[in-house]
Structure formats: structure tokens, C-alpha cells
């Protein structure tokens, strides 16, 4: 399953097959498909990530997010939308701040390359059996 964060991108988990010298590994790993207005990314490069069509993409659940804090869903939606607008503005004006997703990773820009760096703990939670193979893919 994947989650669409409107105006920013889609988080999903993909299965990837890796052929080792003696066995085939199938690992689950997180991916992020950027969906920011391309006009603000003129001088930036970002990896193209393809999420297969068989992965169900769900919209961000503002009601569920509101249950993790004391704010109503409409307030949470407004905060998310304003934060994404601020981040897009910063990219357009040449600022390159990191965008941190708690327990997931950091969307960062280094040397004009915008990419998602997933935390070790996020990868480990998804792939307990072949964690080192999954980490090498990141």
C-alpha cells in the first residue's frame, strides 16, 4: 500500500528481487515518488521512482493523523497543506532545507539533487529477514 501526500509525493513499499551469487533475495523497501510542481525544480535533479500499478495508493488520512494529537482533522489538513506550500516556496527561492518525516526519513537536497533518505529503523521495520540487502539498495 502507498500513501499520497498531495502536492509532495507518494510513499510506498515495493518488493525488489536481487540475484545474489548463491540465492535470490526478495526484499521490501520504502520508496518515495516526488510530485512537486516541476516549475520550482528547474535546477534540481531528483531520482525518478516508479511505483507499480498493482500497489494501492491511498490518500493521506487526516482523521488518523488527528488521532495522534489534539487537533481536529481540518486543522491537520491545513497544517500539512501550508507546510508543503512553504517547502515548495523554499525550493523555488533557492533554499534547500531538509524535510523530516518522523520515523521515516528526510527529503533533502545535496549538490542540487533532491532525494529521500530513509532512516535505518524504517527499513529495518519493513524488512527483518534480509535487512542488509535492503540497506544496500538504498
N, C-alpha and C. Protein backbone atom coordinates (compact mmCIF):
# COMPACT_ATOMS: atom_id res chain seq x y z
N UNK A 1 0.84 -1.18 0.00
CA UNK A 1 0.00 0.00 0.00
C UNK A 1 0.88 1.23 0.00
N UNK A 2 0.40 2.28 -0.62
CA UNK A 2 1.12 3.54 -0.66
C UNK A 2 0.25 4.66 -0.10
N UNK A 3 0.90 5.78 0.23
CA UNK A 3 0.20 6.94 0.77
C UNK A 3 0.58 8.16 -0.06
N UNK A 4 -0.44 8.83 -0.59
CA UNK A 4 -0.23 10.05 -1.36
C UNK A 4 -0.32 11.26 -0.44
N UNK A 5 0.73 12.06 -0.43
CA UNK A 5 0.73 13.34 0.28
C UNK A 5 0.56 14.39 -0.81
N UNK A 6 -0.66 14.94 -0.96
CA UNK A 6 -0.94 15.85 -2.07
C UNK A 6 0.04 17.01 -2.14
N UNK A 7 0.56 17.25 -3.35
CA UNK A 7 1.48 18.35 -3.57
C UNK A 7 2.93 18.03 -3.23
N UNK A 8 3.18 16.85 -2.69
CA UNK A 8 4.55 16.49 -2.32
C UNK A 8 4.99 15.20 -2.99
N UNK A 9 4.22 14.13 -2.81
CA UNK A 9 4.60 12.86 -3.43
C UNK A 9 3.92 11.67 -2.79
N UNK A 10 4.37 10.48 -3.19
CA UNK A 10 3.78 9.23 -2.73
C UNK A 10 4.84 8.36 -2.07
N UNK A 11 4.51 7.88 -0.89
CA UNK A 11 5.33 6.90 -0.20
C UNK A 11 4.72 5.53 -0.47
N UNK A 12 5.56 4.54 -0.73
CA UNK A 12 5.07 3.18 -0.95
C UNK A 12 6.15 2.19 -0.54
N UNK A 13 5.75 0.94 -0.47
CA UNK A 13 6.68 -0.14 -0.20
C UNK A 13 6.67 -1.05 -1.42
N UNK A 14 7.85 -1.31 -1.98
CA UNK A 14 7.94 -2.17 -3.15
C UNK A 14 8.73 -3.43 -2.80
N UNK A 15 8.43 -4.48 -3.54
CA UNK A 15 9.20 -5.71 -3.43
C UNK A 15 10.23 -5.69 -4.55
N UNK A 16 11.46 -5.95 -4.19
CA UNK A 16 12.52 -5.94 -5.19
C UNK A 16 13.30 -7.24 -5.12
N UNK A 17 13.50 -7.84 -6.29
CA UNK A 17 14.23 -9.10 -6.36
C UNK A 17 15.69 -8.82 -6.69
N UNK A 18 16.57 -9.40 -5.88
CA UNK A 18 18.00 -9.23 -6.05
C UNK A 18 18.62 -10.60 -6.24
N UNK A 19 19.37 -10.77 -7.31
CA UNK A 19 20.04 -12.03 -7.57
C UNK A 19 21.42 -12.02 -6.93
N UNK A 20 21.58 -12.82 -5.89
CA UNK A 20 22.88 -12.96 -5.24
C UNK A 20 23.68 -14.03 -5.95
N UNK A 21 24.88 -14.28 -5.50
CA UNK A 21 25.72 -15.30 -6.13
C UNK A 21 25.18 -16.70 -5.88
N UNK A 22 24.53 -16.90 -4.72
CA UNK A 22 24.05 -18.24 -4.39
C UNK A 22 22.54 -18.33 -4.18
N UNK A 23 21.88 -17.19 -4.00
CA UNK A 23 20.43 -17.23 -3.82
C UNK A 23 19.79 -15.94 -4.30
N UNK A 24 18.47 -15.99 -4.44
CA UNK A 24 17.70 -14.82 -4.86
C UNK A 24 17.02 -14.24 -3.63
N UNK A 25 17.18 -12.95 -3.46
CA UNK A 25 16.57 -12.26 -2.33
C UNK A 25 15.39 -11.44 -2.83
N UNK A 26 14.31 -11.45 -2.10
CA UNK A 26 13.18 -10.56 -2.37
C UNK A 26 13.01 -9.73 -1.11
N UNK A 27 13.23 -8.43 -1.25
CA UNK A 27 13.16 -7.54 -0.09
C UNK A 27 12.06 -6.51 -0.28
N UNK A 28 11.54 -6.06 0.84
CA UNK A 28 10.58 -4.95 0.86
C UNK A 28 11.37 -3.70 1.21
N UNK A 29 11.18 -2.67 0.41
CA UNK A 29 11.87 -1.43 0.71
C UNK A 29 10.99 -0.23 0.44
N UNK A 30 11.18 0.82 1.21
CA UNK A 30 10.37 2.03 1.01
C UNK A 30 10.88 2.82 -0.18
N UNK A 31 9.96 3.48 -0.86
CA UNK A 31 10.30 4.38 -1.96
C UNK A 31 9.46 5.65 -1.82
N UNK A 32 9.95 6.70 -2.42
CA UNK A 32 9.22 7.97 -2.45
C UNK A 32 9.23 8.49 -3.87
N UNK A 33 8.03 8.73 -4.41
CA UNK A 33 7.87 9.27 -5.76
C UNK A 33 7.48 10.74 -5.62
N UNK A 34 8.38 11.62 -5.98
CA UNK A 34 8.18 13.05 -5.83
C UNK A 34 7.06 13.54 -6.75
N UNK A 35 6.22 14.44 -6.24
CA UNK A 35 5.14 15.01 -7.03
C UNK A 35 5.00 16.48 -6.66
N UNK A 36 6.09 17.22 -6.86
CA UNK A 36 6.12 18.66 -6.58
C UNK A 36 6.02 19.37 -7.91
N UNK A 37 5.42 20.55 -7.92
CA UNK A 37 5.33 21.36 -9.13
C UNK A 37 6.72 21.50 -9.76
N UNK A 38 6.88 20.95 -10.95
CA UNK A 38 8.20 20.89 -11.59
C UNK A 38 8.78 22.28 -11.90
N UNK A 39 7.93 23.30 -11.99
CA UNK A 39 8.45 24.64 -12.29
C UNK A 39 9.35 25.16 -11.18
N UNK A 40 9.18 24.64 -9.96
CA UNK A 40 10.04 25.11 -8.87
C UNK A 40 11.30 24.26 -8.75
N UNK A 41 11.45 23.26 -9.61
CA UNK A 41 12.61 22.37 -9.53
C UNK A 41 13.51 22.50 -10.75
N UNK A 42 13.51 23.65 -11.39
CA UNK A 42 14.24 23.81 -12.64
C UNK A 42 15.70 23.37 -12.56
N UNK A 43 16.42 23.81 -11.55
CA UNK A 43 17.84 23.47 -11.49
C UNK A 43 18.13 22.24 -10.63
N UNK A 44 17.08 21.62 -10.12
CA UNK A 44 17.27 20.45 -9.26
C UNK A 44 17.13 19.15 -10.05
N UNK A 45 17.86 18.16 -9.61
CA UNK A 45 17.77 16.82 -10.18
C UNK A 45 17.18 15.94 -9.09
N UNK A 46 16.33 15.01 -9.48
CA UNK A 46 15.79 14.08 -8.50
C UNK A 46 15.61 12.72 -9.16
N UNK A 47 15.83 11.66 -8.39
CA UNK A 47 15.70 10.32 -8.97
C UNK A 47 14.26 10.04 -9.33
N UNK A 48 14.08 9.40 -10.49
CA UNK A 48 12.74 9.02 -10.91
C UNK A 48 12.45 7.65 -10.30
N UNK A 49 11.38 7.58 -9.54
CA UNK A 49 10.98 6.34 -8.88
C UNK A 49 9.64 5.93 -9.48
N UNK A 50 9.56 4.69 -9.89
CA UNK A 50 8.32 4.17 -10.45
C UNK A 50 7.67 3.25 -9.42
N UNK A 51 6.41 3.51 -9.14
CA UNK A 51 5.63 2.65 -8.24
C UNK A 51 4.68 1.86 -9.13
N UNK A 52 4.77 0.54 -9.04
CA UNK A 52 3.97 -0.31 -9.95
C UNK A 52 2.48 -0.09 -9.73
N UNK A 53 1.73 -0.35 -10.78
CA UNK A 53 0.29 -0.13 -10.76
C UNK A 53 -0.48 -1.07 -9.84
N UNK A 54 0.15 -2.15 -9.39
CA UNK A 54 -0.57 -3.08 -8.52
C UNK A 54 -0.51 -2.67 -7.05
N UNK A 55 0.18 -1.58 -6.73
CA UNK A 55 0.23 -1.09 -5.36
C UNK A 55 -0.92 -0.10 -5.17
N UNK A 56 -1.73 -0.37 -4.17
CA UNK A 56 -2.87 0.51 -3.88
C UNK A 56 -2.37 1.79 -3.22
N UNK A 57 -2.71 2.92 -3.81
CA UNK A 57 -2.31 4.22 -3.28
C UNK A 57 -3.52 4.85 -2.60
N UNK A 58 -3.36 5.16 -1.33
CA UNK A 58 -4.42 5.77 -0.54
C UNK A 58 -4.06 7.23 -0.26
N UNK A 59 -5.05 8.11 -0.16
CA UNK A 59 -4.75 9.49 0.22
C UNK A 59 -4.35 9.55 1.69
N UNK A 60 -3.60 10.57 2.04
CA UNK A 60 -3.19 10.79 3.43
C UNK A 60 -4.43 10.86 4.30
N UNK A 61 -4.44 10.12 5.39
CA UNK A 61 -5.60 10.02 6.27
C UNK A 61 -5.50 11.08 7.37
N UNK A 62 -6.12 12.23 7.13
CA UNK A 62 -6.04 13.33 8.09
C UNK A 62 -6.77 12.99 9.39
N UNK A 63 -7.82 12.20 9.32
CA UNK A 63 -8.53 11.81 10.54
C UNK A 63 -7.61 10.97 11.43
N UNK A 64 -6.90 10.00 10.82
CA UNK A 64 -5.98 9.17 11.60
C UNK A 64 -4.86 10.02 12.20
N UNK A 65 -4.33 10.95 11.42
CA UNK A 65 -3.29 11.84 11.95
C UNK A 65 -3.81 12.67 13.12
N UNK A 66 -5.06 13.09 13.02
CA UNK A 66 -5.62 13.90 14.10
C UNK A 66 -5.76 13.11 15.40
N UNK A 67 -5.84 11.80 15.29
CA UNK A 67 -5.95 10.96 16.49
C UNK A 67 -4.63 10.87 17.24
N UNK A 68 -3.52 11.22 16.58
CA UNK A 68 -2.21 11.16 17.22
C UNK A 68 -1.86 12.47 17.94
N UNK A 69 -2.73 13.47 17.81
CA UNK A 69 -2.52 14.74 18.51
C UNK A 69 -3.89 15.30 18.91
N UNK A 70 -3.93 16.50 19.38
CA UNK A 70 -5.19 17.04 19.88
C UNK A 70 -5.90 17.96 18.88
N UNK A 71 -5.50 17.94 17.61
CA UNK A 71 -6.09 18.83 16.62
C UNK A 71 -7.13 18.12 15.78
N UNK A 72 -8.20 18.83 15.38
CA UNK A 72 -9.22 18.23 14.51
C UNK A 72 -8.66 17.99 13.11
N UNK A 73 -9.26 17.06 12.36
CA UNK A 73 -8.76 16.72 11.01
C UNK A 73 -8.59 17.92 10.08
N UNK A 74 -9.52 18.88 10.12
CA UNK A 74 -9.40 20.04 9.23
C UNK A 74 -8.17 20.88 9.56
N UNK A 75 -7.85 20.98 10.83
CA UNK A 75 -6.65 21.71 11.25
C UNK A 75 -5.40 20.98 10.79
N UNK A 76 -5.39 19.66 10.94
CA UNK A 76 -4.25 18.85 10.50
C UNK A 76 -4.06 19.00 8.99
N UNK A 77 -5.16 18.92 8.23
CA UNK A 77 -5.09 19.09 6.78
C UNK A 77 -4.49 20.45 6.43
N UNK A 78 -4.96 21.49 7.08
CA UNK A 78 -4.44 22.84 6.83
C UNK A 78 -2.95 22.95 7.14
N UNK A 79 -2.52 22.35 8.23
CA UNK A 79 -1.09 22.38 8.60
C UNK A 79 -0.25 21.66 7.56
N UNK A 80 -0.70 20.49 7.11
CA UNK A 80 0.04 19.73 6.10
C UNK A 80 0.11 20.54 4.81
N UNK A 81 -1.00 21.09 4.37
CA UNK A 81 -1.02 21.85 3.12
C UNK A 81 -0.12 23.07 3.20
N UNK A 82 -0.17 23.81 4.31
CA UNK A 82 0.66 25.00 4.48
C UNK A 82 2.15 24.64 4.55
N UNK A 83 2.46 23.53 5.19
CA UNK A 83 3.85 23.09 5.28
C UNK A 83 4.40 22.74 3.91
N UNK A 84 3.59 22.06 3.09
CA UNK A 84 4.02 21.71 1.73
C UNK A 84 4.18 22.96 0.88
N UNK A 85 3.27 23.92 1.03
CA UNK A 85 3.41 25.18 0.30
C UNK A 85 4.68 25.92 0.70
N UNK A 86 4.99 25.93 1.99
CA UNK A 86 6.21 26.58 2.47
C UNK A 86 7.44 25.88 1.90
N UNK A 87 7.44 24.55 1.92
CA UNK A 87 8.59 23.81 1.40
C UNK A 87 8.77 24.08 -0.10
N UNK A 88 7.68 24.09 -0.86
CA UNK A 88 7.76 24.39 -2.30
C UNK A 88 8.30 25.80 -2.53
N UNK A 89 7.86 26.75 -1.71
CA UNK A 89 8.34 28.12 -1.82
C UNK A 89 9.84 28.18 -1.56
N UNK A 90 10.30 27.46 -0.53
CA UNK A 90 11.72 27.44 -0.21
C UNK A 90 12.54 26.85 -1.36
N UNK A 91 12.03 25.80 -1.98
CA UNK A 91 12.74 25.23 -3.13
C UNK A 91 12.80 26.22 -4.29
N UNK A 92 11.67 26.91 -4.54
CA UNK A 92 11.61 27.89 -5.63
C UNK A 92 12.58 29.03 -5.42
N UNK A 93 12.80 29.43 -4.18
CA UNK A 93 13.67 30.57 -3.89
C UNK A 93 15.11 30.17 -3.61
N UNK A 94 15.46 28.94 -3.92
CA UNK A 94 16.85 28.52 -3.80
C UNK A 94 17.26 28.02 -2.44
N UNK A 95 16.35 27.98 -1.49
CA UNK A 95 16.66 27.42 -0.18
C UNK A 95 16.59 25.90 -0.28
N UNK A 96 17.38 25.21 0.49
CA UNK A 96 17.42 23.75 0.40
C UNK A 96 17.31 23.11 1.78
N UNK A 97 16.22 23.36 2.50
CA UNK A 97 16.09 22.75 3.82
C UNK A 97 15.75 21.26 3.72
N UNK A 98 16.09 20.52 4.75
CA UNK A 98 15.66 19.13 4.82
C UNK A 98 14.21 19.09 5.29
N UNK A 99 13.46 18.15 4.80
CA UNK A 99 12.05 17.97 5.17
C UNK A 99 11.98 16.63 5.88
N UNK A 100 11.79 16.66 7.19
CA UNK A 100 11.86 15.45 8.00
C UNK A 100 10.49 14.83 8.21
N UNK A 101 10.43 13.52 7.97
CA UNK A 101 9.23 12.73 8.23
C UNK A 101 9.57 11.82 9.40
N UNK A 102 8.91 12.05 10.54
CA UNK A 102 9.22 11.30 11.75
C UNK A 102 9.10 9.80 11.50
N UNK A 103 10.09 9.07 11.94
CA UNK A 103 10.16 7.61 11.83
C UNK A 103 10.27 7.09 10.39
N UNK A 104 10.42 7.99 9.41
CA UNK A 104 10.51 7.56 8.02
C UNK A 104 11.86 7.95 7.42
N UNK A 105 12.13 9.25 7.35
CA UNK A 105 13.38 9.70 6.75
C UNK A 105 13.37 11.20 6.49
N UNK A 106 14.31 11.63 5.65
CA UNK A 106 14.49 13.05 5.37
C UNK A 106 14.54 13.27 3.86
N UNK A 107 13.71 14.18 3.38
CA UNK A 107 13.78 14.63 1.99
C UNK A 107 14.79 15.76 1.99
N UNK A 108 15.93 15.54 1.37
CA UNK A 108 16.99 16.54 1.44
C UNK A 108 17.56 16.84 0.06
N UNK A 109 18.28 17.95 -0.01
CA UNK A 109 18.89 18.37 -1.25
C UNK A 109 20.38 18.60 -1.00
N UNK A 110 21.20 17.83 -1.72
CA UNK A 110 22.65 17.98 -1.63
C UNK A 110 23.19 18.07 -3.04
N UNK A 111 23.98 19.10 -3.31
CA UNK A 111 24.55 19.31 -4.65
C UNK A 111 23.47 19.33 -5.72
N UNK A 112 22.35 20.00 -5.42
CA UNK A 112 21.20 20.14 -6.33
C UNK A 112 20.53 18.82 -6.69
N UNK A 113 20.70 17.80 -5.86
CA UNK A 113 19.99 16.54 -6.04
C UNK A 113 19.02 16.40 -4.87
N UNK A 114 17.74 16.36 -5.18
CA UNK A 114 16.69 16.23 -4.18
C UNK A 114 16.32 14.76 -4.06
N UNK A 115 16.52 14.17 -2.88
CA UNK A 115 16.21 12.75 -2.74
C UNK A 115 15.76 12.43 -1.31
N UNK A 116 15.05 11.32 -1.20
CA UNK A 116 14.55 10.83 0.07
C UNK A 116 15.57 9.87 0.66
N UNK A 117 15.99 10.15 1.88
CA UNK A 117 16.92 9.27 2.60
C UNK A 117 16.13 8.65 3.75
N UNK A 118 15.88 7.35 3.66
CA UNK A 118 15.09 6.66 4.67
C UNK A 118 15.95 6.30 5.87
N UNK A 119 15.35 6.41 7.06
CA UNK A 119 16.04 6.03 8.28
C UNK A 119 16.24 4.52 8.31
N UNK A 120 17.34 4.11 8.92
CA UNK A 120 17.63 2.69 9.11
C UNK A 120 16.46 1.98 9.77
N UNK A 121 15.87 2.62 10.80
CA UNK A 121 14.77 1.99 11.55
C UNK A 121 13.55 1.75 10.66
N UNK A 122 13.31 2.63 9.70
CA UNK A 122 12.18 2.45 8.77
C UNK A 122 12.42 1.23 7.88
N UNK A 123 13.62 1.11 7.36
CA UNK A 123 13.96 -0.03 6.50
C UNK A 123 13.93 -1.31 7.31
N UNK A 124 14.48 -1.28 8.52
CA UNK A 124 14.53 -2.48 9.36
C UNK A 124 13.13 -2.95 9.73
N UNK A 125 12.21 -2.03 9.94
CA UNK A 125 10.84 -2.40 10.29
C UNK A 125 10.14 -3.11 9.13
N UNK A 126 10.47 -2.70 7.91
CA UNK A 126 9.86 -3.32 6.73
C UNK A 126 10.48 -4.66 6.38
N UNK A 127 11.77 -4.79 6.59
CA UNK A 127 12.50 -5.96 6.12
C UNK A 127 13.38 -6.52 7.23
N UNK A 128 12.87 -7.47 7.97
CA UNK A 128 13.64 -8.02 9.08
C UNK A 128 14.56 -9.16 8.65
N UNK A 129 14.20 -9.92 7.61
CA UNK A 129 14.98 -11.09 7.23
C UNK A 129 16.26 -10.73 6.47
N UNK A 130 16.13 -9.90 5.45
CA UNK A 130 17.27 -9.55 4.60
C UNK A 130 17.58 -8.06 4.72
N UNK A 131 17.71 -7.58 5.95
CA UNK A 131 17.90 -6.15 6.20
C UNK A 131 19.14 -5.60 5.50
N UNK A 132 20.22 -6.33 5.47
CA UNK A 132 21.46 -5.82 4.86
C UNK A 132 21.31 -5.68 3.35
N UNK A 133 20.61 -6.58 2.72
CA UNK A 133 20.36 -6.46 1.28
C UNK A 133 19.50 -5.23 1.01
N UNK A 134 18.46 -5.03 1.81
CA UNK A 134 17.58 -3.87 1.63
C UNK A 134 18.37 -2.57 1.84
N UNK A 135 19.24 -2.55 2.84
CA UNK A 135 20.02 -1.35 3.09
C UNK A 135 20.98 -1.05 1.95
N UNK A 136 21.55 -2.07 1.35
CA UNK A 136 22.46 -1.85 0.23
C UNK A 136 21.76 -1.25 -0.98
N UNK A 137 20.46 -1.49 -1.09
CA UNK A 137 19.69 -0.93 -2.22
C UNK A 137 19.41 0.55 -2.05
N UNK A 138 19.48 1.05 -0.85
CA UNK A 138 19.09 2.43 -0.58
C UNK A 138 20.14 3.41 -1.00
